[in-house]
N, C-alpha and C. Protein backbone atom coordinates (compact mmCIF):
# COMPACT_ATOMS: atom_id res chain seq x y z
N UNK A 1 -2.25 3.04 19.38
CA UNK A 1 -0.99 2.91 18.94
C UNK A 1 -0.64 4.46 18.46
N UNK A 2 0.40 4.88 19.06
CA UNK A 2 0.92 6.27 19.12
C UNK A 2 1.67 6.69 17.78
N UNK A 3 1.21 7.34 17.15
CA UNK A 3 1.60 7.79 15.73
C UNK A 3 3.14 8.43 16.00
N UNK A 4 4.06 8.28 14.72
CA UNK A 4 4.98 8.53 14.94
C UNK A 4 5.83 9.89 13.72
N UNK A 5 6.60 10.45 13.47
CA UNK A 5 6.25 11.56 12.28
C UNK A 5 7.15 10.83 11.28
N UNK A 6 6.94 11.27 9.94
CA UNK A 6 7.20 10.20 9.03
C UNK A 6 8.21 11.79 8.28
N UNK A 7 9.43 11.12 7.74
CA UNK A 7 10.21 12.36 6.63
C UNK A 7 9.27 12.22 5.38
N UNK A 8 9.09 13.42 4.62
CA UNK A 8 8.25 13.78 3.47
C UNK A 8 8.91 12.88 2.43
N UNK A 9 8.01 12.26 1.85
CA UNK A 9 8.97 11.84 0.28
C UNK A 9 8.92 12.80 -0.62
N UNK A 10 10.11 13.08 -1.21
CA UNK A 10 10.31 14.56 -1.74
C UNK A 10 9.24 14.45 -2.93
N UNK A 11 8.71 13.28 -3.45
CA UNK A 11 7.64 13.43 -4.49
C UNK A 11 6.16 14.66 -3.89
N UNK A 12 6.27 14.47 -2.87
CA UNK A 12 4.71 15.25 -2.07
C UNK A 12 5.86 16.54 -2.57
N UNK A 13 6.86 17.27 -2.17
CA UNK A 13 7.39 18.47 -2.52
C UNK A 13 7.11 18.56 -4.18
N UNK A 14 7.65 17.77 -4.94
CA UNK A 14 7.91 18.30 -6.11
C UNK A 14 6.04 18.03 -6.95
N UNK A 15 5.21 17.38 -6.37
CA UNK A 15 3.69 17.56 -6.86
C UNK A 15 2.75 18.32 -6.24
N UNK A 16 3.33 18.48 -4.72
CA UNK A 16 2.46 19.83 -4.17
C UNK A 16 2.90 20.97 -3.90
N UNK A 17 4.21 21.12 -4.15
CA UNK A 17 4.89 22.51 -4.16
C UNK A 17 4.89 23.25 -2.68
N UNK A 18 3.99 24.41 -3.08
CA UNK A 18 3.75 24.62 -1.42
C UNK A 18 2.60 24.52 -0.46
N UNK A 19 2.01 23.05 -1.44
CA UNK A 19 0.71 22.81 -0.91
C UNK A 19 1.15 21.45 0.05
N UNK A 20 2.26 21.08 0.02
CA UNK A 20 2.66 19.92 0.74
C UNK A 20 2.44 20.25 1.93
N UNK A 21 2.28 19.45 2.63
CA UNK A 21 1.90 18.97 3.93
C UNK A 21 3.56 19.68 5.13
N UNK A 22 3.14 20.16 6.08
CA UNK A 22 4.61 20.05 6.77
C UNK A 22 5.47 18.74 7.34
N UNK A 23 4.39 18.00 7.83
CA UNK A 23 4.81 16.78 7.75
C UNK A 23 3.77 15.56 8.03
N UNK A 24 3.84 14.48 8.16
CA UNK A 24 3.16 13.08 8.01
C UNK A 24 3.08 12.69 9.37
N UNK A 25 2.42 11.98 9.97
CA UNK A 25 2.42 11.14 11.29
C UNK A 25 1.94 9.78 10.48
N UNK A 26 2.35 8.82 11.25
CA UNK A 26 2.22 7.45 10.85
C UNK A 26 2.34 6.73 11.80
N UNK A 27 1.31 5.31 11.75
CA UNK A 27 1.37 4.32 12.38
C UNK A 27 1.53 2.87 11.72
N UNK A 28 2.26 2.09 11.74
CA UNK A 28 2.60 1.17 10.86
C UNK A 28 3.89 0.97 10.13
N UNK A 29 4.40 0.53 9.08
CA UNK A 29 5.33 0.13 8.18
C UNK A 29 5.60 1.32 7.13
N UNK A 30 6.10 2.27 7.82
CA UNK A 30 6.75 3.14 6.79
C UNK A 30 7.23 2.94 5.48
N UNK A 31 8.07 1.88 5.41
CA UNK A 31 9.05 1.37 4.43
C UNK A 31 8.03 1.24 3.15
N UNK A 32 6.85 1.40 3.62
CA UNK A 32 5.91 1.31 2.32
C UNK A 32 5.62 2.32 1.45
N UNK A 33 6.00 3.46 1.83
CA UNK A 33 6.04 4.45 1.17
C UNK A 33 7.15 4.69 0.09
N UNK A 34 7.96 3.71 0.35
CA UNK A 34 9.23 3.91 -0.77
C UNK A 34 8.82 2.72 -1.68
N UNK A 35 7.46 2.23 -1.71
CA UNK A 35 7.49 1.31 -3.15
C UNK A 35 6.52 2.09 -3.70
N UNK A 36 6.56 1.16 -4.70
CA UNK A 36 5.55 2.24 -6.27
C UNK A 36 4.01 2.16 -5.63
N UNK A 37 3.53 3.32 -5.15
CA UNK A 37 2.04 3.04 -4.98
C UNK A 37 1.14 2.91 -5.76
N UNK A 38 -0.19 2.09 -5.92
CA UNK A 38 -1.33 2.15 -6.60
C UNK A 38 -2.33 3.08 -5.75
N UNK A 39 -2.69 3.68 -6.49
CA UNK A 39 -3.56 5.14 -5.79
C UNK A 39 -5.14 4.83 -6.02
N UNK A 40 -5.86 4.73 -5.39
CA UNK A 40 -7.43 4.05 -5.77
C UNK A 40 -7.81 5.03 -5.06
N UNK A 41 -8.99 5.73 -5.92
CA UNK A 41 -9.78 6.77 -5.25
C UNK A 41 -11.06 6.57 -6.09
N UNK A 42 -12.39 6.94 -5.46
CA UNK A 42 -14.09 6.57 -5.99
C UNK A 42 -14.63 7.18 -5.51
N UNK A 43 -15.99 7.71 -6.24
CA UNK A 43 -17.06 8.54 -5.60
C UNK A 43 -17.83 7.51 -4.68
N UNK A 44 -18.42 8.36 -3.63
CA UNK A 44 -18.71 7.47 -2.74
C UNK A 44 -20.16 6.49 -3.48
N UNK A 45 -20.81 7.17 -4.30
CA UNK A 45 -21.41 6.44 -4.71
C UNK A 45 -21.11 5.71 -6.22
N UNK A 46 -21.64 4.19 -6.48
CA UNK A 46 -21.14 4.02 -8.10
C UNK A 46 -22.09 2.47 -8.08
N UNK A 47 -21.87 2.59 -9.20
CA UNK A 47 -22.85 1.42 -9.60
C UNK A 47 -22.34 -0.19 -9.51
N UNK A 48 -23.00 -0.54 -9.13
CA UNK A 48 -22.75 -2.58 -8.44
C UNK A 48 -21.43 -3.34 -9.58
N UNK A 49 -21.66 -2.72 -10.72
CA UNK A 49 -21.01 -3.86 -11.51
C UNK A 49 -19.44 -3.21 -11.39
N UNK A 50 -19.46 -1.75 -11.53
CA UNK A 50 -18.23 -1.29 -11.20
C UNK A 50 -17.51 -1.53 -9.94
N UNK A 51 -18.35 -1.84 -8.62
CA UNK A 51 -17.47 -2.48 -7.65
C UNK A 51 -16.99 -3.96 -7.64
N UNK A 52 -17.81 -4.62 -8.42
CA UNK A 52 -17.30 -6.20 -8.85
C UNK A 52 -15.95 -6.13 -9.45
N UNK A 53 -16.21 -5.32 -10.64
CA UNK A 53 -14.84 -5.35 -11.80
C UNK A 53 -13.83 -4.81 -10.86
N UNK A 54 -13.90 -3.85 -9.84
CA UNK A 54 -12.82 -3.66 -9.07
C UNK A 54 -11.97 -4.50 -8.32
N UNK A 55 -13.15 -5.37 -7.36
CA UNK A 55 -13.12 -6.17 -6.49
C UNK A 55 -12.26 -7.60 -7.33
N UNK A 56 -12.67 -7.38 -8.87
CA UNK A 56 -12.15 -9.01 -9.34
C UNK A 56 -10.71 -8.42 -9.34
N UNK A 57 -9.88 -7.32 -9.58
CA UNK A 57 -8.26 -6.94 -9.76
C UNK A 57 -7.85 -7.11 -8.12
N UNK A 58 -8.37 -7.22 -7.44
CA UNK A 58 -7.40 -7.05 -6.16
C UNK A 58 -7.16 -8.35 -5.99
N UNK A 59 -6.78 -9.56 -6.44
CA UNK A 59 -6.24 -10.66 -5.89
C UNK A 59 -5.31 -10.24 -6.54
N UNK A 60 -5.09 -10.24 -8.02
CA UNK A 60 -4.07 -9.92 -8.73
C UNK A 60 -3.02 -8.74 -8.30
N UNK A 61 -3.95 -7.88 -7.66
CA UNK A 61 -2.75 -6.97 -6.93
C UNK A 61 -2.06 -7.04 -5.80
N UNK A 62 -2.81 -8.14 -4.95
CA UNK A 62 -2.33 -8.80 -3.86
C UNK A 62 -1.02 -9.58 -4.45
N UNK A 63 -1.08 -10.37 -5.14
CA UNK A 63 -0.50 -11.23 -5.52
C UNK A 63 0.89 -10.62 -6.34
N UNK A 64 0.78 -9.76 -6.87
CA UNK A 64 2.05 -9.07 -7.77
C UNK A 64 2.76 -8.30 -6.69
N UNK A 65 2.14 -7.85 -5.57
CA UNK A 65 2.42 -7.51 -4.31
C UNK A 65 2.51 -5.70 -4.42
N UNK A 66 1.22 -5.77 -5.21
CA UNK A 66 1.13 -3.95 -5.03
C UNK A 66 0.60 -3.40 -3.78
N UNK A 67 1.25 -2.12 -3.75
CA UNK A 67 0.70 -1.47 -2.13
C UNK A 67 -0.50 -0.64 -2.91
N UNK A 68 -1.48 -0.38 -2.45
CA UNK A 68 -2.38 0.14 -2.23
C UNK A 68 -2.52 1.26 -1.50
N UNK A 69 -2.73 2.48 -2.20
CA UNK A 69 -3.13 3.69 -1.22
C UNK A 69 -4.24 4.37 -1.74
N UNK A 70 -5.03 4.88 -0.49
CA UNK A 70 -6.40 5.44 -0.28
C UNK A 70 -7.03 5.69 0.61
N UNK A 71 -7.79 6.53 0.92
CA UNK A 71 -8.50 6.88 2.10
C UNK A 71 -9.03 5.77 2.67
N UNK A 72 -9.67 4.98 1.68
CA UNK A 72 -10.28 3.80 1.89
C UNK A 72 -11.90 4.30 2.63
N UNK A 73 -12.21 5.45 1.85
CA UNK A 73 -13.31 6.06 2.44
C UNK A 73 -14.95 5.81 1.92
N UNK A 74 -14.65 5.60 0.65
CA UNK A 74 -15.89 5.63 0.27
C UNK A 74 -16.06 3.78 0.18
N UNK A 75 -17.43 3.62 0.02
CA UNK A 75 -17.64 2.00 -0.15
C UNK A 75 -16.50 1.18 -1.06
N UNK A 76 -16.59 1.70 -2.02
CA UNK A 76 -15.83 0.70 -3.09
C UNK A 76 -14.33 0.16 -2.20
N UNK A 77 -14.02 1.72 -1.96
CA UNK A 77 -12.73 1.80 -1.17
C UNK A 77 -12.56 0.90 -0.06
N UNK A 78 -13.63 0.74 0.81
CA UNK A 78 -13.83 0.06 1.96
C UNK A 78 -13.82 -1.43 1.66
N UNK A 79 -14.80 -1.62 0.44
CA UNK A 79 -14.66 -2.99 0.31
C UNK A 79 -13.12 -3.55 -0.42
N UNK A 80 -12.37 -2.80 -1.12
CA UNK A 80 -10.98 -3.19 -1.47
C UNK A 80 -10.11 -3.34 -0.48
N UNK A 81 -10.32 -2.57 0.43
CA UNK A 81 -9.39 -2.84 1.97
C UNK A 81 -9.47 -4.13 2.33
N UNK A 82 -11.07 -4.23 2.57
CA UNK A 82 -11.12 -5.51 3.35
C UNK A 82 -10.51 -6.60 2.10
N UNK A 83 -11.00 -6.93 1.03
CA UNK A 83 -10.47 -7.66 0.26
C UNK A 83 -8.80 -7.96 -0.01
N UNK A 84 -7.98 -6.59 0.10
CA UNK A 84 -6.70 -6.65 0.31
C UNK A 84 -5.95 -7.35 1.39
N UNK A 85 -6.76 -6.59 2.81
CA UNK A 85 -6.37 -7.54 3.67
C UNK A 85 -6.54 -9.25 4.17
N UNK A 86 -7.81 -9.74 3.33
CA UNK A 86 -8.20 -11.02 3.14
C UNK A 86 -6.72 -11.96 2.11
N UNK A 87 -6.53 -10.91 1.38
CA UNK A 87 -5.18 -11.76 0.61
C UNK A 87 -3.87 -11.42 0.74
N UNK A 88 -3.59 -10.42 2.08
CA UNK A 88 -2.40 -10.58 2.39
C UNK A 88 -1.62 -9.30 2.19
N UNK A 89 -2.69 -8.77 1.38
CA UNK A 89 -2.22 -7.58 0.24
C UNK A 89 -1.39 -6.28 1.22
N UNK A 90 -1.15 -5.41 0.56
CA UNK A 90 -0.20 -4.31 1.50
C UNK A 90 -0.95 -3.11 0.94
N UNK A 91 -0.97 -2.19 2.15
CA UNK A 91 -2.06 -0.90 2.12
C UNK A 91 -1.44 0.00 2.70
N UNK A 92 -1.68 1.63 2.23
CA UNK A 92 -1.57 2.63 3.02
C UNK A 92 -2.82 2.86 3.07
N UNK A 93 -3.16 3.63 4.29
CA UNK A 93 -4.86 4.14 4.62
C UNK A 93 -4.14 5.64 4.84
N UNK A 94 -4.60 6.68 3.93
CA UNK A 94 -4.86 8.04 4.49
C UNK A 94 -5.63 8.88 5.05
N UNK A 95 -5.58 8.99 6.50
CA UNK A 95 -6.64 9.73 7.25
C UNK A 95 -6.96 11.22 6.57
N UNK A 96 -8.50 11.21 6.74
CA UNK A 96 -8.61 13.01 6.48
C UNK A 96 -8.82 13.60 7.65
N UNK A 97 -8.40 13.45 8.70
CA UNK A 97 -8.16 13.60 9.97
C UNK A 97 -6.82 13.90 10.82
N UNK A 98 -6.60 14.18 11.83
CA UNK A 98 -5.45 14.00 12.63
C UNK A 98 -5.45 12.79 13.70
N UNK A 99 -4.45 12.32 13.90
CA UNK A 99 -4.76 11.28 15.09
C UNK A 99 -3.79 11.72 16.24
N UNK A 100 -3.91 11.52 17.46
CA UNK A 100 -3.10 11.52 18.67
C UNK A 100 -2.67 10.16 19.70
N UNK A 101 -3.58 9.29 18.75
CA UNK A 101 -3.80 7.92 19.23
C UNK A 101 -4.37 6.86 18.32
N UNK A 102 -4.08 6.13 17.64
CA UNK A 102 -4.69 5.11 16.49
C UNK A 102 -5.11 4.05 17.03
N UNK A 103 -6.47 3.82 17.05
CA UNK A 103 -7.25 2.61 17.44
C UNK A 103 -7.66 1.71 16.09
N UNK A 104 -6.93 0.63 16.17
CA UNK A 104 -7.10 -0.04 14.72
C UNK A 104 -7.98 -0.97 14.48
N UNK A 105 -8.80 -1.11 13.66
CA UNK A 105 -10.31 -1.94 13.70
C UNK A 105 -9.68 -3.37 14.05
N UNK A 106 -10.16 -4.25 14.27
CA UNK A 106 -9.53 -5.68 14.10
C UNK A 106 -9.19 -6.26 13.15
N UNK A 107 -9.53 -6.05 11.93
CA UNK A 107 -9.01 -6.62 10.54
C UNK A 107 -7.76 -5.66 10.63
N UNK A 108 -7.41 -4.31 11.18
CA UNK A 108 -6.15 -3.60 10.83
C UNK A 108 -5.19 -4.25 11.67
N UNK A 109 -5.27 -4.68 12.88
CA UNK A 109 -4.34 -5.09 13.90
C UNK A 109 -3.38 -5.82 13.07
N UNK A 110 -3.58 -6.97 12.76
CA UNK A 110 -2.88 -8.10 12.33
C UNK A 110 -1.67 -7.53 11.09
N UNK A 111 -2.91 -6.77 9.82
CA UNK A 111 -1.69 -6.01 9.06
C UNK A 111 -0.55 -4.96 9.70
N UNK A 112 -1.03 -4.31 10.65
CA UNK A 112 -0.56 -3.39 11.08
C UNK A 112 1.19 -3.77 12.01
N UNK A 113 1.05 -4.79 12.64
CA UNK A 113 1.60 -5.62 13.00
C UNK A 113 2.81 -6.14 12.61
N UNK A 114 1.80 -6.90 11.02
CA UNK A 114 3.20 -7.89 10.34
C UNK A 114 3.81 -6.69 9.54
N UNK A 115 3.66 -5.44 9.07
CA UNK A 115 4.19 -4.72 8.30
C UNK A 115 3.44 -4.58 7.07
N UNK A 116 2.24 -5.04 6.99
CA UNK A 116 1.51 -5.08 5.57
C UNK A 116 0.64 -3.57 5.64
N UNK A 117 0.84 -2.57 6.55
CA UNK A 117 -0.09 -1.89 6.54
C UNK A 117 0.59 -0.30 7.05
N UNK A 118 0.26 0.61 6.34
CA UNK A 118 1.10 2.10 6.71
C UNK A 118 -0.63 2.85 7.26
N UNK A 119 -0.77 3.32 8.00
CA UNK A 119 -1.62 4.95 8.07
C UNK A 119 -0.87 6.27 8.15
N UNK A 120 -1.31 7.02 7.69
CA UNK A 120 -0.96 8.23 7.66
C UNK A 120 -1.79 9.36 7.67
N UNK A 121 -1.52 10.82 7.82
CA UNK A 121 -2.02 11.74 7.99
C UNK A 121 -1.48 12.78 7.82
N UNK A 122 -1.49 13.91 7.30
CA UNK A 122 -1.11 15.08 7.08
C UNK A 122 -1.36 16.13 7.77
N UNK A 123 -3.00 15.68 8.84
CA UNK A 123 -3.57 16.63 9.89
C UNK A 123 -2.78 16.74 11.21
N UNK A 124 -3.02 17.74 11.59
CA UNK A 124 -2.80 17.91 13.21
C UNK A 124 -3.51 17.26 13.79
N UNK A 125 -3.25 16.99 15.14
CA UNK A 125 -3.91 16.23 15.94
C UNK A 125 -5.63 17.02 16.37
N UNK A 126 -5.49 17.91 16.03
CA UNK A 126 -6.59 18.91 16.67
C UNK A 126 -7.60 18.57 15.68
N UNK A 127 -7.16 18.72 14.49
CA UNK A 127 -8.23 18.34 13.61
C UNK A 127 -9.25 16.70 13.54
N UNK A 128 -10.19 16.77 14.30
CA UNK A 128 -10.51 15.41 15.13
C UNK A 128 -11.77 15.00 13.98
N UNK A 129 -12.33 15.56 12.87
CA UNK A 129 -13.72 15.00 11.92
C UNK A 129 -13.52 15.13 11.00
N UNK A 130 -13.89 14.14 9.93
CA UNK A 130 -13.40 14.21 8.49
C UNK A 130 -14.52 15.40 7.98
N UNK A 131 -13.98 16.38 7.27
CA UNK A 131 -15.14 17.56 6.50
C UNK A 131 -15.03 16.92 4.84
N UNK A 132 -15.93 17.96 4.19
CA UNK A 132 -15.55 17.87 2.88
C UNK A 132 -13.92 18.24 2.72
N UNK A 133 -13.70 19.16 3.21
CA UNK A 133 -12.25 19.68 2.69
C UNK A 133 -11.03 18.93 2.97
N UNK A 134 -11.25 18.15 4.30
CA UNK A 134 -9.92 17.42 4.74
C UNK A 134 -10.14 16.35 3.75
N UNK A 135 -11.06 15.80 3.23
CA UNK A 135 -11.80 14.73 2.31
C UNK A 135 -10.81 15.19 1.05
N UNK A 136 -10.92 16.12 0.60
CA UNK A 136 -10.42 16.95 -0.58
C UNK A 136 -9.09 16.77 -0.50
N UNK A 137 -8.43 17.30 0.76
CA UNK A 137 -7.15 17.11 1.06
C UNK A 137 -6.55 16.09 1.22
N UNK A 138 -7.31 14.84 1.77
CA UNK A 138 -6.38 13.50 1.66
C UNK A 138 -6.38 12.83 0.45
N UNK A 139 -7.41 13.43 -0.63
CA UNK A 139 -7.22 12.64 -1.70
C UNK A 139 -6.46 13.27 -2.62
N UNK A 140 -6.04 14.44 -2.54
CA UNK A 140 -4.86 15.05 -2.91
C UNK A 140 -3.83 14.46 -2.80
N UNK A 141 -3.27 14.20 -1.16
CA UNK A 141 -2.16 13.67 -0.59
C UNK A 141 -2.20 12.18 -1.65
N UNK A 142 -3.41 11.41 -1.55
CA UNK A 142 -3.26 10.02 -1.87
C UNK A 142 -3.12 10.61 -3.53
N UNK A 143 -3.42 11.26 -4.09
CA UNK A 143 -2.80 11.11 -5.44
C UNK A 143 -1.41 11.74 -5.89
N UNK A 144 -0.83 12.50 -5.01
CA UNK A 144 0.29 13.27 -4.73
C UNK A 144 1.57 12.38 -4.48
N UNK A 145 1.02 10.74 -3.89
CA UNK A 145 1.78 9.84 -3.34
C UNK A 145 2.18 8.75 -4.30
N UNK A 146 0.76 8.39 -5.29
CA UNK A 146 0.73 7.29 -5.77
C UNK A 146 1.29 7.61 -7.06
N UNK A 147 2.25 5.97 -7.53
CA UNK A 147 3.16 6.21 -8.60
C UNK A 147 1.78 6.20 -10.03
N UNK A 148 0.89 5.32 -10.23
CA UNK A 148 -0.60 4.75 -10.61
C UNK A 148 -1.48 5.38 -10.20
N UNK A 149 -2.75 5.80 -11.04
CA UNK A 149 -3.99 6.19 -10.40
C UNK A 149 -4.78 5.13 -10.53
N UNK A 150 -5.62 4.25 -10.00
CA UNK A 150 -7.11 4.04 -10.58
C UNK A 150 -8.17 4.66 -10.13
N UNK A 151 -9.23 4.89 -10.45
CA UNK A 151 -10.54 5.60 -10.76
C UNK A 151 -11.39 4.90 -11.42
N UNK A 152 -12.39 3.78 -10.54
CA UNK A 152 -13.46 2.83 -10.91
C UNK A 152 -14.06 3.83 -11.06
N UNK A 153 -14.73 4.95 -10.59
CA UNK A 153 -16.04 5.86 -10.83
C UNK A 153 -15.78 7.36 -10.21
N UNK A 154 -16.01 8.34 -11.23
CA UNK A 154 -16.36 9.77 -10.95
C UNK A 154 -17.56 10.10 -10.81
N UNK A 155 -18.30 10.09 -9.79
CA UNK A 155 -19.78 10.89 -10.29
C UNK A 155 -19.61 12.46 -10.75
N UNK A 156 -20.68 12.77 -11.55
CA UNK A 156 -19.74 13.75 -12.76
C UNK A 156 -20.46 15.25 -11.57
N UNK A 157 -20.01 15.79 -11.71
CA UNK A 157 -19.99 17.49 -10.85
C UNK A 157 -19.65 17.21 -9.71
N UNK A 158 -18.76 15.86 -9.00
CA UNK A 158 -18.51 16.16 -7.76
C UNK A 158 -17.01 16.51 -7.41
N UNK A 159 -16.95 16.64 -5.97
CA UNK A 159 -15.62 17.36 -5.74
C UNK A 159 -14.30 16.66 -6.09
N UNK A 160 -14.84 14.96 -6.30
CA UNK A 160 -13.83 14.45 -6.86
C UNK A 160 -13.50 14.78 -8.69
N UNK A 161 -14.19 14.63 -8.83
CA UNK A 161 -14.44 15.06 -10.70
C UNK A 161 -13.17 16.40 -10.71
N UNK A 162 -14.17 17.57 -9.67
CA UNK A 162 -13.49 18.59 -10.13
C UNK A 162 -11.81 18.63 -9.70
N UNK A 163 -11.51 17.69 -8.43
CA UNK A 163 -10.27 17.49 -7.96
C UNK A 163 -9.24 17.20 -9.32
N UNK A 164 -9.83 15.98 -9.90
CA UNK A 164 -8.88 15.35 -10.75
C UNK A 164 -9.17 16.03 -11.98
N UNK A 165 -10.26 17.10 -12.39
CA UNK A 165 -9.67 17.98 -13.45
C UNK A 165 -8.53 18.68 -12.87
N UNK A 166 -8.51 19.36 -11.77
CA UNK A 166 -7.71 20.48 -11.12
C UNK A 166 -6.40 19.42 -11.37
N UNK A 167 -5.79 18.51 -10.93
CA UNK A 167 -4.69 17.75 -11.19
C UNK A 167 -4.57 16.99 -12.47
N UNK A 168 -5.48 17.47 -13.54
CA UNK A 168 -5.21 17.26 -15.10
C UNK A 168 -5.17 15.78 -15.35
N UNK A 169 -6.32 14.69 -14.26
CA UNK A 169 -6.06 13.62 -14.27
C UNK A 169 -7.63 13.06 -14.73
N UNK A 170 -8.12 13.69 -15.37
CA UNK A 170 -9.34 13.21 -16.16
C UNK A 170 -9.03 11.90 -16.99
N UNK A 171 -8.14 11.84 -17.37
CA UNK A 171 -7.59 10.43 -18.50
C UNK A 171 -7.38 9.05 -17.46
N UNK A 172 -7.22 9.35 -16.02
CA UNK A 172 -7.09 8.42 -15.23
C UNK A 172 -8.46 7.43 -14.96
N UNK A 173 -9.68 8.69 -15.30
CA UNK A 173 -11.02 7.80 -14.68
C UNK A 173 -11.26 6.79 -16.18
């Protein structure tokens, strides 16, 4: 799937200022960015009970029509993505790399074609691998686009904890 440019939502310039990306590239339903977005961000490692408690919330989010925005990179985030897709939930997946062509997973094909999914990136196509820096930039974008933020678990002294302190979102944890 070939990505298309996206007009930057005004909220990005308001929240990120000079750090706002020049542009976004996308595949899928761009109109999802006009909806209130539920930001989901979590450390890679988290206790099993936190994973289960978070997954218990996905059916009500899907039923309420919430649009979940995340990098869907950590194991918890990946499980939420799978659960939302099974329930015909709507999601915005933010990549930590560029894309010249997007190859959806088999689970993503139907949500992309039916308008229930958007994949976006702020990175140029030459950025082909996720790094710690691109992951943090991706998480900043998720936080900037989200109307509400859910942080099920943050590892102490992790880059995510530092990012949340930087964004003064420690109360979201």
